[in-house]
All heavy atoms as atom14 arrays in JSON, in Angstrom:
{
  "sequence": "GAAVLLDRLDTEPRSVAYLAEVVRAGGVRAAADLPEPLPRPEAAA",
  "atom14_mask": [
    [1, 1, 1, 1, 0, 0, 0, 0, 0, 0, 0, 0, 0, 0],
    [1, 1, 1, 1, 1, 0, 0, 0, 0, 0, 0, 0, 0, 0],
    [1, 1, 1, 1, 1, 0, 0, 0, 0, 0, 0, 0, 0, 0],
    [1, 1, 1, 1, 1, 1, 1, 0, 0, 0, 0, 0, 0, 0],
    [1, 1, 1, 1, 1, 1, 1, 1, 0, 0, 0, 0, 0, 0],
    [1, 1, 1, 1, 1, 1, 1, 1, 0, 0, 0, 0, 0, 0],
    [1, 1, 1, 1, 1, 1, 1, 1, 0, 0, 0, 0, 0, 0],
    [1, 1, 1, 1, 1, 1, 1, 1, 1, 1, 1, 0, 0, 0],
    [1, 1, 1, 1, 1, 1, 1, 1, 0, 0, 0, 0, 0, 0],
    [1, 1, 1, 1, 1, 1, 1, 1, 0, 0, 0, 0, 0, 0],
    [1, 1, 1, 1, 1, 1, 1, 0, 0, 0, 0, 0, 0, 0],
    [1, 1, 1, 1, 1, 1, 1, 1, 1, 0, 0, 0, 0, 0],
    [1, 1, 1, 1, 1, 1, 1, 0, 0, 0, 0, 0, 0, 0],
    [1, 1, 1, 1, 1, 1, 1, 1, 1, 1, 1, 0, 0, 0],
    [1, 1, 1, 1, 1, 1, 0, 0, 0, 0, 0, 0, 0, 0],
    [1, 1, 1, 1, 1, 1, 1, 0, 0, 0, 0, 0, 0, 0],
    [1, 1, 1, 1, 1, 0, 0, 0, 0, 0, 0, 0, 0, 0],
    [1, 1, 1, 1, 1, 1, 1, 1, 1, 1, 1, 1, 0, 0],
    [1, 1, 1, 1, 1, 1, 1, 1, 0, 0, 0, 0, 0, 0],
    [1, 1, 1, 1, 1, 0, 0, 0, 0, 0, 0, 0, 0, 0],
    [1, 1, 1, 1, 1, 1, 1, 1, 1, 0, 0, 0, 0, 0],
    [1, 1, 1, 1, 1, 1, 1, 0, 0, 0, 0, 0, 0, 0],
    [1, 1, 1, 1, 1, 1, 1, 0, 0, 0, 0, 0, 0, 0],
    [1, 1, 1, 1, 1, 1, 1, 1, 1, 1, 1, 0, 0, 0],
    [1, 1, 1, 1, 1, 0, 0, 0, 0, 0, 0, 0, 0, 0],
    [1, 1, 1, 1, 0, 0, 0, 0, 0, 0, 0, 0, 0, 0],
    [1, 1, 1, 1, 0, 0, 0, 0, 0, 0, 0, 0, 0, 0],
    [1, 1, 1, 1, 1, 1, 1, 0, 0, 0, 0, 0, 0, 0],
    [1, 1, 1, 1, 1, 1, 1, 1, 1, 1, 1, 0, 0, 0],
    [1, 1, 1, 1, 1, 0, 0, 0, 0, 0, 0, 0, 0, 0],
    [1, 1, 1, 1, 1, 0, 0, 0, 0, 0, 0, 0, 0, 0],
    [1, 1, 1, 1, 1, 0, 0, 0, 0, 0, 0, 0, 0, 0],
    [1, 1, 1, 1, 1, 1, 1, 1, 0, 0, 0, 0, 0, 0],
    [1, 1, 1, 1, 1, 1, 1, 1, 0, 0, 0, 0, 0, 0],
    [1, 1, 1, 1, 1, 1, 1, 0, 0, 0, 0, 0, 0, 0],
    [1, 1, 1, 1, 1, 1, 1, 1, 1, 0, 0, 0, 0, 0],
    [1, 1, 1, 1, 1, 1, 1, 0, 0, 0, 0, 0, 0, 0],
    [1, 1, 1, 1, 1, 1, 1, 1, 0, 0, 0, 0, 0, 0],
    [1, 1, 1, 1, 1, 1, 1, 0, 0, 0, 0, 0, 0, 0],
    [1, 1, 1, 1, 1, 1, 1, 1, 1, 1, 1, 0, 0, 0],
    [1, 1, 1, 1, 1, 1, 1, 0, 0, 0, 0, 0, 0, 0],
    [1, 1, 1, 1, 1, 1, 1, 1, 1, 0, 0, 0, 0, 0],
    [1, 1, 1, 1, 1, 0, 0, 0, 0, 0, 0, 0, 0, 0],
    [1, 1, 1, 1, 1, 0, 0, 0, 0, 0, 0, 0, 0, 0],
    [1, 1, 1, 1, 1, 0, 0, 0, 0, 0, 0, 0, 0, 0]
  ],
  "atom14_positions": [
    [[0.82, -1.21, 0.0], [0.0, 0.0, 0.0], [0.85, 1.26, 0.0], [0.58, 2.21, -0.74], [0.0, 0.0, 0.0], [0.0, 0.0, 0.0], [0.0, 0.0, 0.0], [0.0, 0.0, 0.0], [0.0, 0.0, 0.0], [0.0, 0.0, 0.0], [0.0, 0.0, 0.0], [0.0, 0.0, 0.0], [0.0, 0.0, 0.0], [0.0, 0.0, 0.0]],
    [[1.9, 1.27, 0.81], [2.8, 2.43, 0.86], [3.5, 2.61, -0.48], [3.64, 3.74, -0.96], [3.83, 2.24, 1.98], [0.0, 0.0, 0.0], [0.0, 0.0, 0.0], [0.0, 0.0, 0.0], [0.0, 0.0, 0.0], [0.0, 0.0, 0.0], [0.0, 0.0, 0.0], [0.0, 0.0, 0.0], [0.0, 0.0, 0.0], [0.0, 0.0, 0.0]],
    [[3.93, 1.52, -1.09], [4.6, 1.59, -2.39], [3.66, 2.13, -3.47], [4.06, 2.94, -4.3], [5.14, 0.22, -2.79], [0.0, 0.0, 0.0], [0.0, 0.0, 0.0], [0.0, 0.0, 0.0], [0.0, 0.0, 0.0], [0.0, 0.0, 0.0], [0.0, 0.0, 0.0], [0.0, 0.0, 0.0], [0.0, 0.0, 0.0], [0.0, 0.0, 0.0]],
    [[2.41, 1.69, -3.44], [1.43, 2.18, -4.41], [1.27, 3.7, -4.25], [1.3, 4.45, -5.23], [0.07, 1.46, -4.26], [-1.03, 2.16, -5.05], [0.19, 0.0, -4.69], [0.0, 0.0, 0.0], [0.0, 0.0, 0.0], [0.0, 0.0, 0.0], [0.0, 0.0, 0.0], [0.0, 0.0, 0.0], [0.0, 0.0, 0.0], [0.0, 0.0, 0.0]],
    [[1.11, 4.15, -3.01], [0.94, 5.58, -2.76], [2.15, 6.39, -3.25], [1.99, 7.4, -3.94], [0.72, 5.84, -1.28], [-0.63, 5.39, -0.72], [-0.63, 5.44, 0.8], [-1.76, 6.23, -1.29], [0.0, 0.0, 0.0], [0.0, 0.0, 0.0], [0.0, 0.0, 0.0], [0.0, 0.0, 0.0], [0.0, 0.0, 0.0], [0.0, 0.0, 0.0]],
    [[3.34, 5.95, -2.88], [4.54, 6.69, -3.27], [4.79, 6.6, -4.77], [5.23, 7.58, -5.39], [5.76, 6.19, -2.49], [5.76, 6.54, -1.01], [6.94, 5.9, -0.3], [5.76, 8.05, -0.8], [0.0, 0.0, 0.0], [0.0, 0.0, 0.0], [0.0, 0.0, 0.0], [0.0, 0.0, 0.0], [0.0, 0.0, 0.0], [0.0, 0.0, 0.0]],
    [[4.5, 5.47, -5.37], [4.66, 5.32, -6.82], [3.7, 6.26, -7.56], [4.08, 6.88, -8.55], [4.42, 3.87, -7.22], [4.87, 3.55, -8.63], [5.78, 4.23, -9.16], [4.33, 2.6, -9.23], [0.0, 0.0, 0.0], [0.0, 0.0, 0.0], [0.0, 0.0, 0.0], [0.0, 0.0, 0.0], [0.0, 0.0, 0.0], [0.0, 0.0, 0.0]],
    [[2.51, 6.39, -7.06], [1.54, 7.3, -7.67], [2.0, 8.75, -7.56], [1.59, 9.59, -8.37], [0.16, 7.13, -7.03], [-0.51, 5.83, -7.42], [-1.83, 5.65, -6.71], [-2.49, 4.43, -7.15], [-3.61, 3.96, -6.62], [-4.23, 4.65, -5.67], [-4.13, 2.85, -7.06], [0.0, 0.0, 0.0], [0.0, 0.0, 0.0], [0.0, 0.0, 0.0]],
    [[2.83, 9.04, -6.57], [3.39, 10.39, -6.42], [4.72, 10.52, -7.15], [5.43, 11.51, -6.98], [3.58, 10.71, -4.93], [2.29, 10.84, -4.12], [2.59, 10.97, -2.63], [1.46, 12.03, -4.61], [0.0, 0.0, 0.0], [0.0, 0.0, 0.0], [0.0, 0.0, 0.0], [0.0, 0.0, 0.0], [0.0, 0.0, 0.0], [0.0, 0.0, 0.0]],
    [[5.05, 9.53, -7.96], [6.26, 9.5, -8.78], [7.53, 9.62, -7.94], [8.49, 10.29, -8.31], [6.21, 10.61, -9.84], [7.11, 10.31, -11.03], [7.33, 9.12, -11.32], [7.59, 11.27, -11.66], [0.0, 0.0, 0.0], [0.0, 0.0, 0.0], [0.0, 0.0, 0.0], [0.0, 0.0, 0.0], [0.0, 0.0, 0.0], [0.0, 0.0, 0.0]],
    [[7.53, 8.94, -6.8], [8.68, 8.93, -5.9], [9.68, 7.9, -6.38], [9.33, 6.76, -6.67], [8.24, 8.59, -4.46], [7.22, 9.51, -4.08], [9.39, 8.66, -3.49], [0.0, 0.0, 0.0], [0.0, 0.0, 0.0], [0.0, 0.0, 0.0], [0.0, 0.0, 0.0], [0.0, 0.0, 0.0], [0.0, 0.0, 0.0], [0.0, 0.0, 0.0]],
    [[10.93, 8.31, -6.47], [11.99, 7.4, -6.89], [12.28, 6.37, -5.79], [12.39, 6.76, -4.62], [13.27, 8.17, -7.2], [13.19, 9.03, -8.44], [13.07, 8.2, -9.7], [13.63, 7.08, -9.76], [12.41, 8.68, -10.64], [0.0, 0.0, 0.0], [0.0, 0.0, 0.0], [0.0, 0.0, 0.0], [0.0, 0.0, 0.0], [0.0, 0.0, 0.0]],
    [[12.43, 5.11, -6.14], [12.75, 4.1, -5.14], [14.04, 4.42, -4.38], [14.14, 4.18, -3.18], [12.9, 2.8, -5.94], [12.35, 3.07, -7.28], [12.28, 4.54, -7.49], [0.0, 0.0, 0.0], [0.0, 0.0, 0.0], [0.0, 0.0, 0.0], [0.0, 0.0, 0.0], [0.0, 0.0, 0.0], [0.0, 0.0, 0.0], [0.0, 0.0, 0.0]],
    [[15.01, 5.01, -5.07], [16.28, 5.32, -4.4], [16.09, 6.37, -3.31], [16.83, 6.38, -2.33], [17.34, 5.74, -5.41], [17.07, 7.05, -6.1], [18.2, 7.43, -7.05], [17.86, 8.64, -7.75], [17.54, 8.68, -9.04], [17.53, 7.58, -9.75], [17.24, 9.82, -9.6], [0.0, 0.0, 0.0], [0.0, 0.0, 0.0], [0.0, 0.0, 0.0]],
    [[15.1, 7.25, -3.45], [14.82, 8.24, -2.4], [14.3, 7.55, -1.14], [14.67, 7.92, -0.02], [13.79, 9.26, -2.88], [14.28, 9.99, -3.97], [0.0, 0.0, 0.0], [0.0, 0.0, 0.0], [0.0, 0.0, 0.0], [0.0, 0.0, 0.0], [0.0, 0.0, 0.0], [0.0, 0.0, 0.0], [0.0, 0.0, 0.0], [0.0, 0.0, 0.0]],
    [[13.45, 6.55, -1.32], [12.91, 5.81, -0.19], [14.02, 4.97, 0.45], [14.11, 4.89, 1.68], [11.71, 4.94, -0.62], [11.14, 4.18, 0.57], [10.63, 5.8, -1.28], [0.0, 0.0, 0.0], [0.0, 0.0, 0.0], [0.0, 0.0, 0.0], [0.0, 0.0, 0.0], [0.0, 0.0, 0.0], [0.0, 0.0, 0.0], [0.0, 0.0, 0.0]],
    [[14.87, 4.38, -0.38], [16.0, 3.6, 0.16], [16.96, 4.49, 0.94], [17.48, 4.09, 2.0], [16.73, 2.88, -0.98], [0.0, 0.0, 0.0], [0.0, 0.0, 0.0], [0.0, 0.0, 0.0], [0.0, 0.0, 0.0], [0.0, 0.0, 0.0], [0.0, 0.0, 0.0], [0.0, 0.0, 0.0], [0.0, 0.0, 0.0], [0.0, 0.0, 0.0]],
    [[17.18, 5.69, 0.46], [18.04, 6.63, 1.18], [17.42, 7.01, 2.52], [18.1, 7.06, 3.55], [18.29, 7.89, 0.33], [19.19, 8.88, 1.02], [20.56, 8.66, 1.08], [18.67, 10.01, 1.62], [21.39, 9.57, 1.73], [19.49, 10.92, 2.26], [20.85, 10.69, 2.32], [21.66, 11.58, 2.97], [0.0, 0.0, 0.0], [0.0, 0.0, 0.0]],
    [[16.11, 7.24, 2.53], [15.42, 7.54, 3.78], [15.56, 6.37, 4.76], [15.75, 6.59, 5.96], [13.94, 7.86, 3.52], [13.11, 8.21, 4.74], [13.66, 9.42, 5.48], [11.64, 8.44, 4.32], [0.0, 0.0, 0.0], [0.0, 0.0, 0.0], [0.0, 0.0, 0.0], [0.0, 0.0, 0.0], [0.0, 0.0, 0.0], [0.0, 0.0, 0.0]],
    [[15.51, 5.15, 4.25], [15.71, 3.98, 5.11], [17.08, 4.02, 5.76], [17.23, 3.7, 6.95], [15.54, 2.7, 4.29], [0.0, 0.0, 0.0], [0.0, 0.0, 0.0], [0.0, 0.0, 0.0], [0.0, 0.0, 0.0], [0.0, 0.0, 0.0], [0.0, 0.0, 0.0], [0.0, 0.0, 0.0], [0.0, 0.0, 0.0], [0.0, 0.0, 0.0]],
    [[18.1, 4.44, 5.02], [19.45, 4.53, 5.58], [19.55, 5.65, 6.62], [20.26, 5.52, 7.62], [20.48, 4.72, 4.47], [20.65, 3.49, 3.59], [20.95, 2.24, 4.4], [21.81, 2.27, 5.29], [20.3, 1.2, 4.14], [0.0, 0.0, 0.0], [0.0, 0.0, 0.0], [0.0, 0.0, 0.0], [0.0, 0.0, 0.0], [0.0, 0.0, 0.0]],
    [[18.81, 6.73, 6.41], [18.76, 7.81, 7.41], [18.15, 7.28, 8.7], [18.64, 7.53, 9.8], [17.98, 9.02, 6.87], [17.71, 10.05, 7.98], [18.71, 9.67, 5.71], [0.0, 0.0, 0.0], [0.0, 0.0, 0.0], [0.0, 0.0, 0.0], [0.0, 0.0, 0.0], [0.0, 0.0, 0.0], [0.0, 0.0, 0.0], [0.0, 0.0, 0.0]],
    [[17.07, 6.51, 8.57], [16.43, 5.91, 9.75], [17.39, 4.95, 10.44], [17.52, 4.97, 11.67], [15.12, 5.19, 9.35], [14.59, 4.33, 10.5], [14.07, 6.19, 8.91], [0.0, 0.0, 0.0], [0.0, 0.0, 0.0], [0.0, 0.0, 0.0], [0.0, 0.0, 0.0], [0.0, 0.0, 0.0], [0.0, 0.0, 0.0], [0.0, 0.0, 0.0]],
    [[18.09, 4.16, 9.68], [19.04, 3.2, 10.26], [20.15, 3.93, 11.0], [20.57, 3.54, 12.08], [19.63, 2.3, 9.18], [20.43, 1.14, 9.74], [20.93, 0.18, 8.68], [19.96, -0.26, 7.71], [19.03, -1.2, 7.91], [18.92, -1.75, 9.08], [18.21, -1.56, 6.95], [0.0, 0.0, 0.0], [0.0, 0.0, 0.0], [0.0, 0.0, 0.0]],
    [[20.62, 5.04, 10.44], [21.74, 5.78, 11.04], [21.33, 6.63, 12.23], [22.04, 6.7, 13.23], [22.4, 6.66, 9.97], [0.0, 0.0, 0.0], [0.0, 0.0, 0.0], [0.0, 0.0, 0.0], [0.0, 0.0, 0.0], [0.0, 0.0, 0.0], [0.0, 0.0, 0.0], [0.0, 0.0, 0.0], [0.0, 0.0, 0.0], [0.0, 0.0, 0.0]],
    [[20.18, 7.29, 12.14], [19.81, 8.24, 13.19], [18.52, 7.94, 13.92], [18.2, 8.61, 14.89], [0.0, 0.0, 0.0], [0.0, 0.0, 0.0], [0.0, 0.0, 0.0], [0.0, 0.0, 0.0], [0.0, 0.0, 0.0], [0.0, 0.0, 0.0], [0.0, 0.0, 0.0], [0.0, 0.0, 0.0], [0.0, 0.0, 0.0], [0.0, 0.0, 0.0]],
    [[17.75, 6.99, 13.43], [16.49, 6.63, 14.07], [15.31, 7.32, 13.42], [15.45, 8.28, 12.68], [0.0, 0.0, 0.0], [0.0, 0.0, 0.0], [0.0, 0.0, 0.0], [0.0, 0.0, 0.0], [0.0, 0.0, 0.0], [0.0, 0.0, 0.0], [0.0, 0.0, 0.0], [0.0, 0.0, 0.0], [0.0, 0.0, 0.0], [0.0, 0.0, 0.0]],
    [[14.12, 6.8, 13.72], [12.91, 7.34, 13.12], [12.61, 8.76, 13.6], [12.1, 9.57, 12.84], [11.67, 6.43, 13.33], [11.79, 5.17, 12.53], [11.41, 6.14, 14.77], [0.0, 0.0, 0.0], [0.0, 0.0, 0.0], [0.0, 0.0, 0.0], [0.0, 0.0, 0.0], [0.0, 0.0, 0.0], [0.0, 0.0, 0.0], [0.0, 0.0, 0.0]],
    [[12.95, 9.08, 14.84], [12.69, 10.44, 15.34], [13.5, 11.45, 14.55], [12.97, 12.48, 14.12], [13.01, 10.51, 16.83], [12.99, 11.89, 17.46], [11.78, 12.78, 17.22], [10.5, 12.14, 17.33], [9.43, 12.51, 16.61], [9.49, 13.49, 15.73], [8.28, 11.89, 16.74], [0.0, 0.0, 0.0], [0.0, 0.0, 0.0], [0.0, 0.0, 0.0]],
    [[14.78, 11.18, 14.33], [15.62, 12.11, 13.57], [15.1, 12.25, 12.14], [15.05, 13.36, 11.59], [17.07, 11.65, 13.58], [0.0, 0.0, 0.0], [0.0, 0.0, 0.0], [0.0, 0.0, 0.0], [0.0, 0.0, 0.0], [0.0, 0.0, 0.0], [0.0, 0.0, 0.0], [0.0, 0.0, 0.0], [0.0, 0.0, 0.0], [0.0, 0.0, 0.0]],
    [[14.69, 11.15, 11.53], [14.16, 11.19, 10.16], [12.84, 11.96, 10.12], [12.59, 12.72, 9.18], [13.99, 9.78, 9.61], [0.0, 0.0, 0.0], [0.0, 0.0, 0.0], [0.0, 0.0, 0.0], [0.0, 0.0, 0.0], [0.0, 0.0, 0.0], [0.0, 0.0, 0.0], [0.0, 0.0, 0.0], [0.0, 0.0, 0.0], [0.0, 0.0, 0.0]],
    [[11.99, 11.77, 11.13], [10.71, 12.47, 11.17], [10.9, 13.98, 11.3], [10.06, 14.76, 10.85], [9.85, 11.96, 12.32], [0.0, 0.0, 0.0], [0.0, 0.0, 0.0], [0.0, 0.0, 0.0], [0.0, 0.0, 0.0], [0.0, 0.0, 0.0], [0.0, 0.0, 0.0], [0.0, 0.0, 0.0], [0.0, 0.0, 0.0], [0.0, 0.0, 0.0]],
    [[12.01, 14.39, 11.9], [12.28, 15.81, 12.09], [12.92, 16.47, 10.88], [13.13, 17.69, 10.87], [13.17, 16.02, 13.32], [12.44, 15.71, 14.62], [11.19, 15.71, 14.62], [13.12, 15.46, 15.63], [0.0, 0.0, 0.0], [0.0, 0.0, 0.0], [0.0, 0.0, 0.0], [0.0, 0.0, 0.0], [0.0, 0.0, 0.0], [0.0, 0.0, 0.0]],
    [[13.22, 15.7, 9.84], [13.8, 16.29, 8.62], [12.78, 17.23, 7.98], [11.59, 16.91, 7.94], [14.17, 15.2, 7.62], [15.33, 14.29, 7.97], [15.44, 13.15, 6.97], [16.63, 15.09, 8.02], [0.0, 0.0, 0.0], [0.0, 0.0, 0.0], [0.0, 0.0, 0.0], [0.0, 0.0, 0.0], [0.0, 0.0, 0.0], [0.0, 0.0, 0.0]],
    [[13.23, 18.36, 7.45], [12.28, 19.28, 6.81], [11.65, 18.67, 5.55], [10.52, 19.0, 5.22], [13.13, 20.5, 6.46], [14.54, 20.1, 6.63], [14.59, 18.88, 7.49], [0.0, 0.0, 0.0], [0.0, 0.0, 0.0], [0.0, 0.0, 0.0], [0.0, 0.0, 0.0], [0.0, 0.0, 0.0], [0.0, 0.0, 0.0], [0.0, 0.0, 0.0]],
    [[12.38, 17.8, 4.85], [11.85, 17.18, 3.64], [12.4, 15.76, 3.55], [13.41, 15.52, 2.89], [12.23, 18.0, 2.4], [11.5, 17.55, 1.16], [11.74, 18.48, -0.01], [12.81, 18.36, -0.64], [10.88, 19.32, -0.28], [0.0, 0.0, 0.0], [0.0, 0.0, 0.0], [0.0, 0.0, 0.0], [0.0, 0.0, 0.0], [0.0, 0.0, 0.0]],
    [[11.72, 14.78, 4.2], [12.25, 13.42, 4.2], [12.28, 12.77, 2.82], [13.07, 11.85, 2.58], [11.33, 12.67, 5.15], [10.12, 13.5, 5.29], [10.5, 14.91, 4.98], [0.0, 0.0, 0.0], [0.0, 0.0, 0.0], [0.0, 0.0, 0.0], [0.0, 0.0, 0.0], [0.0, 0.0, 0.0], [0.0, 0.0, 0.0], [0.0, 0.0, 0.0]],
    [[11.43, 13.21, 1.92], [11.44, 12.74, 0.53], [11.25, 13.96, -0.38], [10.62, 14.94, 0.02], [10.3, 11.75, 0.26], [10.43, 10.36, 0.88], [9.14, 9.56, 0.63], [11.63, 9.62, 0.32], [0.0, 0.0, 0.0], [0.0, 0.0, 0.0], [0.0, 0.0, 0.0], [0.0, 0.0, 0.0], [0.0, 0.0, 0.0], [0.0, 0.0, 0.0]],
    [[11.79, 13.89, -1.6], [11.54, 14.98, -2.55], [10.04, 15.08, -2.86], [9.33, 14.1, -2.77], [12.32, 14.56, -3.8], [13.32, 13.56, -3.32], [12.69, 12.88, -2.14], [0.0, 0.0, 0.0], [0.0, 0.0, 0.0], [0.0, 0.0, 0.0], [0.0, 0.0, 0.0], [0.0, 0.0, 0.0], [0.0, 0.0, 0.0], [0.0, 0.0, 0.0]],
    [[9.6, 16.23, -3.2], [8.22, 16.55, -3.53], [7.38, 16.68, -2.26], [7.39, 15.79, -1.41], [7.6, 15.53, -4.47], [8.29, 15.48, -5.82], [7.38, 14.82, -6.84], [7.91, 15.05, -8.15], [8.5, 14.11, -8.88], [8.59, 12.88, -8.44], [8.97, 14.41, -10.08], [0.0, 0.0, 0.0], [0.0, 0.0, 0.0], [0.0, 0.0, 0.0]],
    [[6.67, 17.76, -2.13], [5.92, 18.04, -0.9], [4.91, 16.95, -0.5], [4.79, 16.63, 0.66], [5.2, 19.35, -1.21], [5.98, 19.98, -2.31], [6.59, 18.87, -3.1], [0.0, 0.0, 0.0], [0.0, 0.0, 0.0], [0.0, 0.0, 0.0], [0.0, 0.0, 0.0], [0.0, 0.0, 0.0], [0.0, 0.0, 0.0], [0.0, 0.0, 0.0]],
    [[4.18, 16.39, -1.48], [3.17, 15.38, -1.15], [3.82, 14.12, -0.59], [3.34, 13.55, 0.38], [2.32, 15.03, -2.38], [1.54, 16.19, -2.95], [2.35, 17.02, -3.95], [3.52, 16.67, -4.25], [1.84, 18.05, -4.41], [0.0, 0.0, 0.0], [0.0, 0.0, 0.0], [0.0, 0.0, 0.0], [0.0, 0.0, 0.0], [0.0, 0.0, 0.0]],
    [[4.9, 13.68, -1.21], [5.6, 12.48, -0.74], [6.26, 12.74, 0.62], [6.26, 11.89, 1.5], [6.64, 12.04, -1.76], [0.0, 0.0, 0.0], [0.0, 0.0, 0.0], [0.0, 0.0, 0.0], [0.0, 0.0, 0.0], [0.0, 0.0, 0.0], [0.0, 0.0, 0.0], [0.0, 0.0, 0.0], [0.0, 0.0, 0.0], [0.0, 0.0, 0.0]],
    [[6.81, 13.95, 0.8], [7.44, 14.3, 2.06], [6.41, 14.3, 3.2], [6.69, 13.79, 4.29], [8.1, 15.68, 1.96], [0.0, 0.0, 0.0], [0.0, 0.0, 0.0], [0.0, 0.0, 0.0], [0.0, 0.0, 0.0], [0.0, 0.0, 0.0], [0.0, 0.0, 0.0], [0.0, 0.0, 0.0], [0.0, 0.0, 0.0], [0.0, 0.0, 0.0]],
    [[5.22, 14.83, 2.94], [4.17, 14.86, 3.96], [3.74, 13.44, 4.34], [3.56, 13.12, 5.52], [2.98, 15.67, 3.48], [0.0, 0.0, 0.0], [0.0, 0.0, 0.0], [0.0, 0.0, 0.0], [0.0, 0.0, 0.0], [0.0, 0.0, 0.0], [0.0, 0.0, 0.0], [0.0, 0.0, 0.0], [0.0, 0.0, 0.0], [0.0, 0.0, 0.0]]
  ]
}
């Protein structure tokens, strides 16, 4: 379901994979506090 939503927003898989590495390195709280966790405002929200 998440992949369908992000794919419909034309989100690059590598952007999501990079976000996963941010979570792995700093945790979900640090990633949640990013001003733009993914490119494009809709995907970031």
